[in-house]
Amino acid sequence: FLDVGGTADASRVEKAFRIILKDINVKAILVNIFGGI
């Protein structure tokens, strides 16, 4: 589970990707954003 929060910017999204990609079990990444804030 990874919630980028309501103030997500490019830097935070990149950090999220870097953390997820360290997991050797990950075979795909799904980004699902419904933008309000």
Full PDB file with SEQRES, HELIX, SHEET, SSBOND, CRYST1, ORIGX, SCALE, CONECT and MASTER records, all heavy atoms in Angstrom:
SEQRES   1 A   37  PHE LEU ASP VAL GLY GLY THR ALA ASP ALA SER ARG VAL          
SEQRES   2 A   37  GLU LYS ALA PHE ARG ILE ILE LEU LYS ASP ILE ASN VAL          
SEQRES   3 A   37  LYS ALA ILE LEU VAL ASN ILE PHE GLY GLY ILE                  
HELIX    1 AA1 ALA A   10  LEU A   21  1                                  12    
CRYST1    1.000    1.000    1.000  90.00  90.00  90.00 P 1           1          
ORIGX1      1.000000  0.000000  0.000000        0.00000                         
ORIGX2      0.000000  1.000000  0.000000        0.00000                         
ORIGX3      0.000000  0.000000  1.000000        0.00000                         
SCALE1      1.000000  0.000000  0.000000        0.00000                         
SCALE2      0.000000  1.000000  0.000000        0.00000                         
SCALE3      0.000000  0.000000  1.000000        0.00000                         
ATOM      1  N   PHE A   1       0.886  -1.163   0.000  1.00  0.00           N  
ATOM      2  CA  PHE A   1       0.000   0.000   0.000  1.00  0.00           C  
ATOM      3  C   PHE A   1       0.919   1.206   0.000  1.00  0.00           C  
ATOM      4  O   PHE A   1       1.870   1.267   0.783  1.00  0.00           O  
ATOM      5  CB  PHE A   1      -0.880   0.006   1.245  1.00  0.00           C  
ATOM      6  CG  PHE A   1      -1.634   1.305   1.435  1.00  0.00           C  
ATOM      7  CD1 PHE A   1      -2.933   1.426   1.004  1.00  0.00           C  
ATOM      8  CD2 PHE A   1      -1.026   2.398   2.038  1.00  0.00           C  
ATOM      9  CE1 PHE A   1      -3.625   2.614   1.169  1.00  0.00           C  
ATOM     10  CE2 PHE A   1      -1.704   3.586   2.200  1.00  0.00           C  
ATOM     11  CZ  PHE A   1      -3.003   3.701   1.763  1.00  0.00           C  
ATOM     12  N   LEU A   2       0.663   2.165  -0.890  1.00  0.00           N  
ATOM     13  CA  LEU A   2       1.455   3.386  -0.883  1.00  0.00           C  
ATOM     14  C   LEU A   2       0.559   4.558  -1.248  1.00  0.00           C  
ATOM     15  O   LEU A   2       0.080   4.656  -2.372  1.00  0.00           O  
ATOM     16  CB  LEU A   2       2.641   3.296  -1.846  1.00  0.00           C  
ATOM     17  CG  LEU A   2       3.764   4.322  -1.595  1.00  0.00           C  
ATOM     18  CD1 LEU A   2       5.083   3.842  -2.183  1.00  0.00           C  
ATOM     19  CD2 LEU A   2       3.424   5.683  -2.167  1.00  0.00           C  
ATOM     20  N   ASP A   3       0.331   5.430  -0.278  1.00  0.00           N  
ATOM     21  CA  ASP A   3      -0.480   6.616  -0.468  1.00  0.00           C  
ATOM     22  C   ASP A   3       0.462   7.813  -0.608  1.00  0.00           C  
ATOM     23  O   ASP A   3       1.193   8.151   0.320  1.00  0.00           O  
ATOM     24  CB  ASP A   3      -1.414   6.798   0.736  1.00  0.00           C  
ATOM     25  CG  ASP A   3      -2.308   8.023   0.614  1.00  0.00           C  
ATOM     26  OD1 ASP A   3      -2.250   8.697  -0.433  1.00  0.00           O  
ATOM     27  OD2 ASP A   3      -3.052   8.308   1.572  1.00  0.00           O  
ATOM     28  N   VAL A   4       0.460   8.445  -1.791  1.00  0.00           N  
ATOM     29  CA  VAL A   4       1.352   9.585  -2.015  1.00  0.00           C  
ATOM     30  C   VAL A   4       0.823  10.855  -1.367  1.00  0.00           C  
ATOM     31  O   VAL A   4       1.535  11.861  -1.281  1.00  0.00           O  
ATOM     32  CB  VAL A   4       1.591   9.831  -3.521  1.00  0.00           C  
ATOM     33  CG1 VAL A   4       2.386   8.703  -4.123  1.00  0.00           C  
ATOM     34  CG2 VAL A   4       0.278  10.036  -4.252  1.00  0.00           C  
ATOM     35  N   GLY A   5      -0.435  10.829  -0.913  1.00  0.00           N  
ATOM     36  CA  GLY A   5      -0.981  11.972  -0.194  1.00  0.00           C  
ATOM     37  C   GLY A   5      -1.531  13.047  -1.108  1.00  0.00           C  
ATOM     38  O   GLY A   5      -1.382  13.016  -2.332  1.00  0.00           O  
ATOM     39  N   GLY A   6      -2.160  14.031  -0.495  1.00  0.00           N  
ATOM     40  CA  GLY A   6      -2.821  15.093  -1.255  1.00  0.00           C  
ATOM     41  C   GLY A   6      -1.889  16.163  -1.770  1.00  0.00           C  
ATOM     42  O   GLY A   6      -2.289  16.999  -2.580  1.00  0.00           O  
ATOM     43  N   THR A   7      -0.639  16.166  -1.308  1.00  0.00           N  
ATOM     44  CA  THR A   7       0.309  17.198  -1.760  1.00  0.00           C  
ATOM     45  C   THR A   7       1.426  16.588  -2.592  1.00  0.00           C  
ATOM     46  O   THR A   7       2.544  17.118  -2.635  1.00  0.00           O  
ATOM     47  CB  THR A   7       0.907  17.937  -0.551  1.00  0.00           C  
ATOM     48  OG1 THR A   7       1.554  16.979   0.304  1.00  0.00           O  
ATOM     49  CG2 THR A   7      -0.174  18.662   0.238  1.00  0.00           C  
ATOM     50  N   ALA A   8       1.127  15.488  -3.241  1.00  0.00           N  
ATOM     51  CA  ALA A   8       2.153  14.777  -4.015  1.00  0.00           C  
ATOM     52  C   ALA A   8       2.714  15.655  -5.124  1.00  0.00           C  
ATOM     53  O   ALA A   8       1.984  16.329  -5.838  1.00  0.00           O  
ATOM     54  CB  ALA A   8       1.562  13.507  -4.604  1.00  0.00           C  
ATOM     55  N   ASP A   9       4.040  15.635  -5.254  1.00  0.00           N  
ATOM     56  CA  ASP A   9       4.703  16.318  -6.352  1.00  0.00           C  
ATOM     57  C   ASP A   9       5.608  15.328  -7.069  1.00  0.00           C  
ATOM     58  O   ASP A   9       5.667  14.139  -6.720  1.00  0.00           O  
ATOM     59  CB  ASP A   9       5.499  17.528  -5.847  1.00  0.00           C  
ATOM     60  CG  ASP A   9       6.497  17.162  -4.753  1.00  0.00           C  
ATOM     61  OD1 ASP A   9       6.820  15.966  -4.617  1.00  0.00           O  
ATOM     62  OD2 ASP A   9       6.952  18.066  -4.040  1.00  0.00           O  
ATOM     63  N   ALA A  10       6.319  15.798  -8.072  1.00  0.00           N  
ATOM     64  CA  ALA A  10       7.154  14.914  -8.883  1.00  0.00           C  
ATOM     65  C   ALA A  10       8.212  14.208  -8.045  1.00  0.00           C  
ATOM     66  O   ALA A  10       8.493  13.014  -8.235  1.00  0.00           O  
ATOM     67  CB  ALA A  10       7.813  15.720 -10.009  1.00  0.00           C  
ATOM     68  N   SER A  11       8.799  14.931  -7.097  1.00  0.00           N  
ATOM     69  CA  SER A  11       9.854  14.352  -6.263  1.00  0.00           C  
ATOM     70  C   SER A  11       9.323  13.209  -5.413  1.00  0.00           C  
ATOM     71  O   SER A  11       9.961  12.152  -5.305  1.00  0.00           O  
ATOM     72  CB  SER A  11      10.453  15.443  -5.364  1.00  0.00           C  
ATOM     73  OG  SER A  11      11.375  14.893  -4.448  1.00  0.00           O  
ATOM     74  N   ARG A  12       8.146  13.391  -4.833  1.00  0.00           N  
ATOM     75  CA  ARG A  12       7.581  12.351  -3.973  1.00  0.00           C  
ATOM     76  C   ARG A  12       7.198  11.123  -4.790  1.00  0.00           C  
ATOM     77  O   ARG A  12       7.387   9.986  -4.336  1.00  0.00           O  
ATOM     78  CB  ARG A  12       6.361  12.886  -3.224  1.00  0.00           C  
ATOM     79  CG  ARG A  12       5.782  11.882  -2.246  1.00  0.00           C  
ATOM     80  CD  ARG A  12       4.641  12.447  -1.443  1.00  0.00           C  
ATOM     81  NE  ARG A  12       5.105  13.480  -0.526  1.00  0.00           N  
ATOM     82  CZ  ARG A  12       4.323  14.081   0.370  1.00  0.00           C  
ATOM     83  NH1 ARG A  12       3.046  13.751   0.457  1.00  0.00           N  
ATOM     84  NH2 ARG A  12       4.812  14.989   1.180  1.00  0.00           N  
ATOM     85  N   VAL A  13       6.670  11.329  -5.984  1.00  0.00           N  
ATOM     86  CA  VAL A  13       6.299  10.206  -6.839  1.00  0.00           C  
ATOM     87  C   VAL A  13       7.545   9.415  -7.229  1.00  0.00           C  
ATOM     88  O   VAL A  13       7.534   8.171  -7.239  1.00  0.00           O  
ATOM     89  CB  VAL A  13       5.550  10.693  -8.092  1.00  0.00           C  
ATOM     90  CG1 VAL A  13       5.328   9.541  -9.071  1.00  0.00           C  
ATOM     91  CG2 VAL A  13       4.213  11.315  -7.706  1.00  0.00           C  
ATOM     92  N   GLU A  14       8.637  10.115  -7.521  1.00  0.00           N  
ATOM     93  CA  GLU A  14       9.880   9.422  -7.874  1.00  0.00           C  
ATOM     94  C   GLU A  14      10.379   8.589  -6.695  1.00  0.00           C  
ATOM     95  O   GLU A  14      10.817   7.442  -6.871  1.00  0.00           O  
ATOM     96  CB  GLU A  14      10.959  10.419  -8.286  1.00  0.00           C  
ATOM     97  CG  GLU A  14      12.263   9.734  -8.674  1.00  0.00           C  
ATOM     98  CD  GLU A  14      13.348  10.701  -9.118  1.00  0.00           C  
ATOM     99  OE1 GLU A  14      13.013  11.828  -9.539  1.00  0.00           O  
ATOM    100  OE2 GLU A  14      14.537  10.319  -9.047  1.00  0.00           O  
ATOM    101  N   LYS A  15      10.294   9.128  -5.492  1.00  0.00           N  
ATOM    102  CA  LYS A  15      10.710   8.373  -4.305  1.00  0.00           C  
ATOM    103  C   LYS A  15       9.850   7.122  -4.137  1.00  0.00           C  
ATOM    104  O   LYS A  15      10.347   6.059  -3.757  1.00  0.00           O  
ATOM    105  CB  LYS A  15      10.616   9.259  -3.059  1.00  0.00           C  
ATOM    106  CG  LYS A  15      11.676  10.346  -2.996  1.00  0.00           C  
ATOM    107  CD  LYS A  15      11.468  11.253  -1.785  1.00  0.00           C  
ATOM    108  CE  LYS A  15      12.521  12.362  -1.747  1.00  0.00           C  
ATOM    109  NZ  LYS A  15      12.279  13.312  -0.631  1.00  0.00           N  
ATOM    110  N   ALA A  16       8.554   7.261  -4.424  1.00  0.00           N  
ATOM    111  CA  ALA A  16       7.647   6.118  -4.328  1.00  0.00           C  
ATOM    112  C   ALA A  16       8.060   5.011  -5.305  1.00  0.00           C  
ATOM    113  O   ALA A  16       8.100   3.829  -4.953  1.00  0.00           O  
ATOM    114  CB  ALA A  16       6.213   6.561  -4.612  1.00  0.00           C  
ATOM    115  N   PHE A  17       8.393   5.407  -6.525  1.00  0.00           N  
ATOM    116  CA  PHE A  17       8.837   4.428  -7.519  1.00  0.00           C  
ATOM    117  C   PHE A  17      10.116   3.727  -7.075  1.00  0.00           C  
ATOM    118  O   PHE A  17      10.253   2.505  -7.217  1.00  0.00           O  
ATOM    119  CB  PHE A  17       9.069   5.121  -8.866  1.00  0.00           C  
ATOM    120  CG  PHE A  17       7.884   5.077  -9.777  1.00  0.00           C  
ATOM    121  CD1 PHE A  17       6.971   6.119  -9.790  1.00  0.00           C  
ATOM    122  CD2 PHE A  17       7.667   3.995 -10.604  1.00  0.00           C  
ATOM    123  CE1 PHE A  17       5.872   6.085 -10.628  1.00  0.00           C  
ATOM    124  CE2 PHE A  17       6.572   3.944 -11.448  1.00  0.00           C  
ATOM    125  CZ  PHE A  17       5.661   5.000 -11.458  1.00  0.00           C  
ATOM    126  N   ARG A  18      11.044   4.490  -6.550  1.00  0.00           N  
ATOM    127  CA  ARG A  18      12.329   3.909  -6.144  1.00  0.00           C  
ATOM    128  C   ARG A  18      12.135   2.863  -5.044  1.00  0.00           C  
ATOM    129  O   ARG A  18      12.787   1.811  -5.043  1.00  0.00           O  
ATOM    130  CB  ARG A  18      13.279   5.012  -5.668  1.00  0.00           C  
ATOM    131  CG  ARG A  18      13.801   5.889  -6.800  1.00  0.00           C  
ATOM    132  CD  ARG A  18      14.835   6.890  -6.312  1.00  0.00           C  
ATOM    133  NE  ARG A  18      15.346   7.718  -7.397  1.00  0.00           N  
ATOM    134  CZ  ARG A  18      16.352   7.364  -8.200  1.00  0.00           C  
ATOM    135  NH1 ARG A  18      16.950   6.197  -8.021  1.00  0.00           N  
ATOM    136  NH2 ARG A  18      16.774   8.178  -9.156  1.00  0.00           N  
ATOM    137  N   ILE A  19      11.243   3.154  -4.106  1.00  0.00           N  
ATOM    138  CA  ILE A  19      10.988   2.208  -3.013  1.00  0.00           C  
ATOM    139  C   ILE A  19      10.330   0.942  -3.548  1.00  0.00           C  
ATOM    140  O   ILE A  19      10.738  -0.179  -3.227  1.00  0.00           O  
ATOM    141  CB  ILE A  19      10.117   2.865  -1.924  1.00  0.00           C  
ATOM    142  CG1 ILE A  19      10.915   3.964  -1.206  1.00  0.00           C  
ATOM    143  CG2 ILE A  19       9.620   1.817  -0.920  1.00  0.00           C  
ATOM    144  CD1 ILE A  19      10.077   4.840  -0.303  1.00  0.00           C  
ATOM    145  N   ILE A  20       9.315   1.097  -4.379  1.00  0.00           N  
ATOM    146  CA  ILE A  20       8.599  -0.066  -4.917  1.00  0.00           C  
ATOM    147  C   ILE A  20       9.516  -0.944  -5.764  1.00  0.00           C  
ATOM    148  O   ILE A  20       9.462  -2.173  -5.694  1.00  0.00           O  
ATOM    149  CB  ILE A  20       7.380   0.394  -5.745  1.00  0.00           C  
ATOM    150  CG1 ILE A  20       6.296   0.958  -4.812  1.00  0.00           C  
ATOM    151  CG2 ILE A  20       6.803  -0.756  -6.567  1.00  0.00           C  
ATOM    152  CD1 ILE A  20       5.101   1.533  -5.527  1.00  0.00           C  
ATOM    153  N   LEU A  21      10.386  -0.320  -6.545  1.00  0.00           N  
ATOM    154  CA  LEU A  21      11.258  -1.085  -7.446  1.00  0.00           C  
ATOM    155  C   LEU A  21      12.345  -1.855  -6.713  1.00  0.00           C  
ATOM    156  O   LEU A  21      13.001  -2.721  -7.292  1.00  0.00           O  
ATOM    157  CB  LEU A  21      11.890  -0.142  -8.477  1.00  0.00           C  
ATOM    158  CG  LEU A  21      10.925   0.383  -9.552  1.00  0.00           C  
ATOM    159  CD1 LEU A  21      11.560   1.504 -10.354  1.00  0.00           C  
ATOM    160  CD2 LEU A  21      10.486  -0.751 -10.478  1.00  0.00           C  
ATOM    161  N   LYS A  22      12.538  -1.561  -5.431  1.00  0.00           N  
ATOM    162  CA  LYS A  22      13.496  -2.337  -4.635  1.00  0.00           C  
ATOM    163  C   LYS A  22      12.933  -3.698  -4.238  1.00  0.00           C  
ATOM    164  O   LYS A  22      13.675  -4.576  -3.812  1.00  0.00           O  
ATOM    165  CB  LYS A  22      13.896  -1.546  -3.385  1.00  0.00           C  
ATOM    166  CG  LYS A  22      14.787  -0.348  -3.666  1.00  0.00           C  
ATOM    167  CD  LYS A  22      15.170   0.374  -2.386  1.00  0.00           C  
ATOM    168  CE  LYS A  22      16.067   1.570  -2.677  1.00  0.00           C  
ATOM    169  NZ  LYS A  22      16.457   2.293  -1.449  1.00  0.00           N  
ATOM    170  N   ASP A  23      11.627  -3.841  -4.377  1.00  0.00           N  
ATOM    171  CA  ASP A  23      10.962  -5.103  -4.041  1.00  0.00           C  
ATOM    172  C   ASP A  23      11.102  -6.057  -5.230  1.00  0.00           C  
ATOM    173  O   ASP A  23      10.511  -5.835  -6.289  1.00  0.00           O  
ATOM    174  CB  ASP A  23       9.490  -4.850  -3.721  1.00  0.00           C  
ATOM    175  CG  ASP A  23       8.762  -6.096  -3.243  1.00  0.00           C  
ATOM    176  OD1 ASP A  23       9.324  -7.207  -3.347  1.00  0.00           O  
ATOM    177  OD2 ASP A  23       7.629  -5.950  -2.744  1.00  0.00           O  
ATOM    178  N   ILE A  24      11.871  -7.104  -5.055  1.00  0.00           N  
ATOM    179  CA  ILE A  24      12.156  -8.034  -6.170  1.00  0.00           C  
ATOM    180  C   ILE A  24      10.917  -8.812  -6.598  1.00  0.00           C  
ATOM    181  O   ILE A  24      10.902  -9.424  -7.673  1.00  0.00           O  
ATOM    182  CB  ILE A  24      13.293  -9.014  -5.800  1.00  0.00           C  
ATOM    183  CG1 ILE A  24      12.896  -9.856  -4.571  1.00  0.00           C  
ATOM    184  CG2 ILE A  24      14.587  -8.270  -5.561  1.00  0.00           C  
ATOM    185  CD1 ILE A  24      13.899 -10.948  -4.244  1.00  0.00           C  
ATOM    186  N   ASN A  25       9.873  -8.806  -5.784  1.00  0.00           N  
ATOM    187  CA  ASN A  25       8.656  -9.548  -6.132  1.00  0.00           C  
ATOM    188  C   ASN A  25       7.743  -8.776  -7.080  1.00  0.00           C  
ATOM    189  O   ASN A  25       6.806  -9.349  -7.643  1.00  0.00           O  
ATOM    190  CB  ASN A  25       7.875  -9.904  -4.864  1.00  0.00           C  
ATOM    191  CG  ASN A  25       8.643 -10.852  -3.961  1.00  0.00           C  
ATOM    192  OD1 ASN A  25       9.284 -11.780  -4.439  1.00  0.00           O  
ATOM    193  ND2 ASN A  25       8.587 -10.615  -2.657  1.00  0.00           N  
ATOM    194  N   VAL A  26       7.994  -7.488  -7.244  1.00  0.00           N  
ATOM    195  CA  VAL A  26       7.109  -6.652  -8.052  1.00  0.00           C  
ATOM    196  C   VAL A  26       7.284  -6.959  -9.536  1.00  0.00           C  
ATOM    197  O   VAL A  26       8.389  -6.882 -10.077  1.00  0.00           O  
ATOM    198  CB  VAL A  26       7.374  -5.154  -7.781  1.00  0.00           C  
ATOM    199  CG1 VAL A  26       6.658  -4.280  -8.808  1.00  0.00           C  
ATOM    200  CG2 VAL A  26       6.919  -4.792  -6.379  1.00  0.00           C  
ATOM    201  N   LYS A  27       6.184  -7.321 -10.202  1.00  0.00           N  
ATOM    202  CA  LYS A  27       6.190  -7.644 -11.627  1.00  0.00           C  
ATOM    203  C   LYS A  27       5.525  -6.547 -12.470  1.00  0.00           C  
ATOM    204  O   LYS A  27       5.630  -6.549 -13.697  1.00  0.00           O  
ATOM    205  CB  LYS A  27       5.458  -8.968 -11.876  1.00  0.00           C  
ATOM    206  CG  LYS A  27       5.984 -10.134 -11.050  1.00  0.00           C  
ATOM    207  CD  LYS A  27       7.460 -10.376 -11.277  1.00  0.00           C  
ATOM    208  CE  LYS A  27       7.969 -11.546 -10.428  1.00  0.00           C  
ATOM    209  NZ  LYS A  27       9.451 -11.686 -10.520  1.00  0.00           N  
ATOM    210  N   ALA A  28       4.814  -5.641 -11.812  1.00  0.00           N  
ATOM    211  CA  ALA A  28       4.160  -4.526 -12.496  1.00  0.00           C  
ATOM    212  C   ALA A  28       3.846  -3.453 -11.452  1.00  0.00           C  
ATOM    213  O   ALA A  28       3.780  -3.739 -10.255  1.00  0.00           O  
ATOM    214  CB  ALA A  28       2.879  -4.976 -13.191  1.00  0.00           C  
ATOM    215  N   ILE A  29       3.659  -2.215 -11.940  1.00  0.00           N  
ATOM    216  CA  ILE A  29       3.293  -1.110 -11.045  1.00  0.00           C  
ATOM    217  C   ILE A  29       2.028  -0.463 -11.577  1.00  0.00           C  
ATOM    218  O   ILE A  29       1.943  -0.119 -12.765  1.00  0.00           O  
ATOM    219  CB  ILE A  29       4.418  -0.063 -10.953  1.00  0.00           C  
ATOM    220  CG1 ILE A  29       5.684  -0.687 -10.360  1.00  0.00           C  
ATOM    221  CG2 ILE A  29       3.975   1.130 -10.108  1.00  0.00           C  
ATOM    222  CD1 ILE A  29       6.874   0.252 -10.323  1.00  0.00           C  
ATOM    223  N   LEU A  30       1.047  -0.323 -10.693  1.00  0.00           N  
ATOM    224  CA  LEU A  30      -0.204   0.336 -11.047  1.00  0.00           C  
ATOM    225  C   LEU A  30      -0.285   1.676 -10.316  1.00  0.00           C  
ATOM    226  O   LEU A  30      -0.250   1.725  -9.089  1.00  0.00           O  
ATOM    227  CB  LEU A  30      -1.400  -0.542 -10.669  1.00  0.00           C  
ATOM    228  CG  LEU A  30      -2.783   0.103 -10.818  1.00  0.00           C  
ATOM    229  CD1 LEU A  30      -3.035   0.545 -12.251  1.00  0.00           C  
ATOM    230  CD2 LEU A  30      -3.879  -0.860 -10.362  1.00  0.00           C  
ATOM    231  N   VAL A  31      -0.374   2.751 -11.098  1.00  0.00           N  
ATOM    232  CA  VAL A  31      -0.559   4.091 -10.535  1.00  0.00           C  
ATOM    233  C   VAL A  31      -2.018   4.461 -10.739  1.00  0.00           C  
ATOM    234  O   VAL A  31      -2.496   4.549 -11.878  1.00  0.00           O  
ATOM    235  CB  VAL A  31       0.355   5.122 -11.225  1.00  0.00           C  
ATOM    236  CG1 VAL A  31       0.152   6.505 -10.602  1.00  0.00           C  
ATOM    237  CG2 VAL A  31       1.815   4.699 -11.127  1.00  0.00           C  
ATOM    238  N   ASN A  32      -2.736   4.668  -9.660  1.00  0.00           N  
ATOM    239  CA  ASN A  32      -4.165   4.977  -9.740  1.00  0.00           C  
ATOM    240  C   ASN A  32      -4.435   6.247  -8.932  1.00  0.00           C  
ATOM    241  O   ASN A  32      -4.497   6.208  -7.706  1.00  0.00           O  
ATOM    242  CB  ASN A  32      -4.987   3.803  -9.200  1.00  0.00           C  
ATOM    243  CG  ASN A  32      -6.483   4.013  -9.438  1.00  0.00           C  
ATOM    244  OD1 ASN A  32      -6.880   4.837 -10.255  1.00  0.00           O  
ATOM    245  ND2 ASN A  32      -7.300   3.268  -8.720  1.00  0.00           N  
ATOM    246  N   ILE A  33      -4.573   7.364  -9.629  1.00  0.00           N  
ATOM    247  CA  ILE A  33      -4.754   8.662  -8.983  1.00  0.00           C  
ATOM    248  C   ILE A  33      -6.085   9.254  -9.405  1.00  0.00           C  
ATOM    249  O   ILE A  33      -6.374   9.375 -10.600  1.00  0.00           O  
ATOM    250  CB  ILE A  33      -3.625   9.648  -9.355  1.00  0.00           C  
ATOM    251  CG1 ILE A  33      -2.259   9.081  -8.963  1.00  0.00           C  
ATOM    252  CG2 ILE A  33      -3.868  11.012  -8.712  1.00  0.00           C  
ATOM    253  CD1 ILE A  33      -2.033   8.934  -7.480  1.00  0.00           C  
ATOM    254  N   PHE A  34      -6.892   9.595  -8.415  1.00  0.00           N  
ATOM    255  CA  PHE A  34      -8.114  10.349  -8.683  1.00  0.00           C  
ATOM    256  C   PHE A  34      -7.897  11.726  -8.072  1.00  0.00           C  
ATOM    257  O   PHE A  34      -8.008  11.909  -6.866  1.00  0.00           O  
ATOM    258  CB  PHE A  34      -9.339   9.668  -8.089  1.00  0.00           C  
ATOM    259  CG  PHE A  34     -10.631  10.290  -8.535  1.00  0.00           C  
ATOM    260  CD1 PHE A  34     -11.203   9.933  -9.748  1.00  0.00           C  
ATOM    261  CD2 PHE A  34     -11.257  11.259  -7.770  1.00  0.00           C  
ATOM    262  CE1 PHE A  34     -12.384  10.514 -10.179  1.00  0.00           C  
ATOM    263  CE2 PHE A  34     -12.441  11.843  -8.190  1.00  0.00           C  
ATOM    264  CZ  PHE A  34     -13.004  11.471  -9.399  1.00  0.00           C  
ATOM    265  N   GLY A  35      -7.541  12.677  -8.911  1.00  0.00           N  
ATOM    266  CA  GLY A  35      -7.068  13.976  -8.430  1.00  0.00           C  
ATOM    267  C   GLY A  35      -8.179  14.901  -7.998  1.00  0.00           C  
ATOM    268  O   GLY A  35      -9.008  15.304  -8.801  1.00  0.00           O  
ATOM    269  N   GLY A  36      -8.175  15.245  -6.739  1.00  0.00           N  
ATOM    270  CA  GLY A  36      -9.000  16.314  -6.216  1.00  0.00           C  
ATOM    271  C   GLY A  36      -8.025  17.387  -5.782  1.00  0.00           C  
ATOM    272  O   GLY A  36      -7.758  18.356  -6.493  1.00  0.00           O  
ATOM    273  N   ILE A  37      -7.421  17.141  -4.630  1.00  0.00           N  
ATOM    274  CA  ILE A  37      -6.324  18.004  -4.191  1.00  0.00           C  
ATOM    275  C   ILE A  37      -5.074  17.703  -5.009  1.00  0.00           C  
ATOM    276  O   ILE A  37      -4.315  18.597  -5.375  1.00  0.00           O  
ATOM    277  CB  ILE A  37      -6.049  17.791  -2.687  1.00  0.00           C  
ATOM    278  CG1 ILE A  37      -7.284  18.135  -1.870  1.00  0.00           C  
ATOM    279  CG2 ILE A  37      -4.868  18.624  -2.219  1.00  0.00           C  
ATOM    280  CD1 ILE A  37      -7.147  17.819  -0.393  1.00  0.00           C  
TER     281      ILE A  37                                                      
MASTER        0    0    0    1    0    0    0    6  280    1    0    3          
END                                                                             
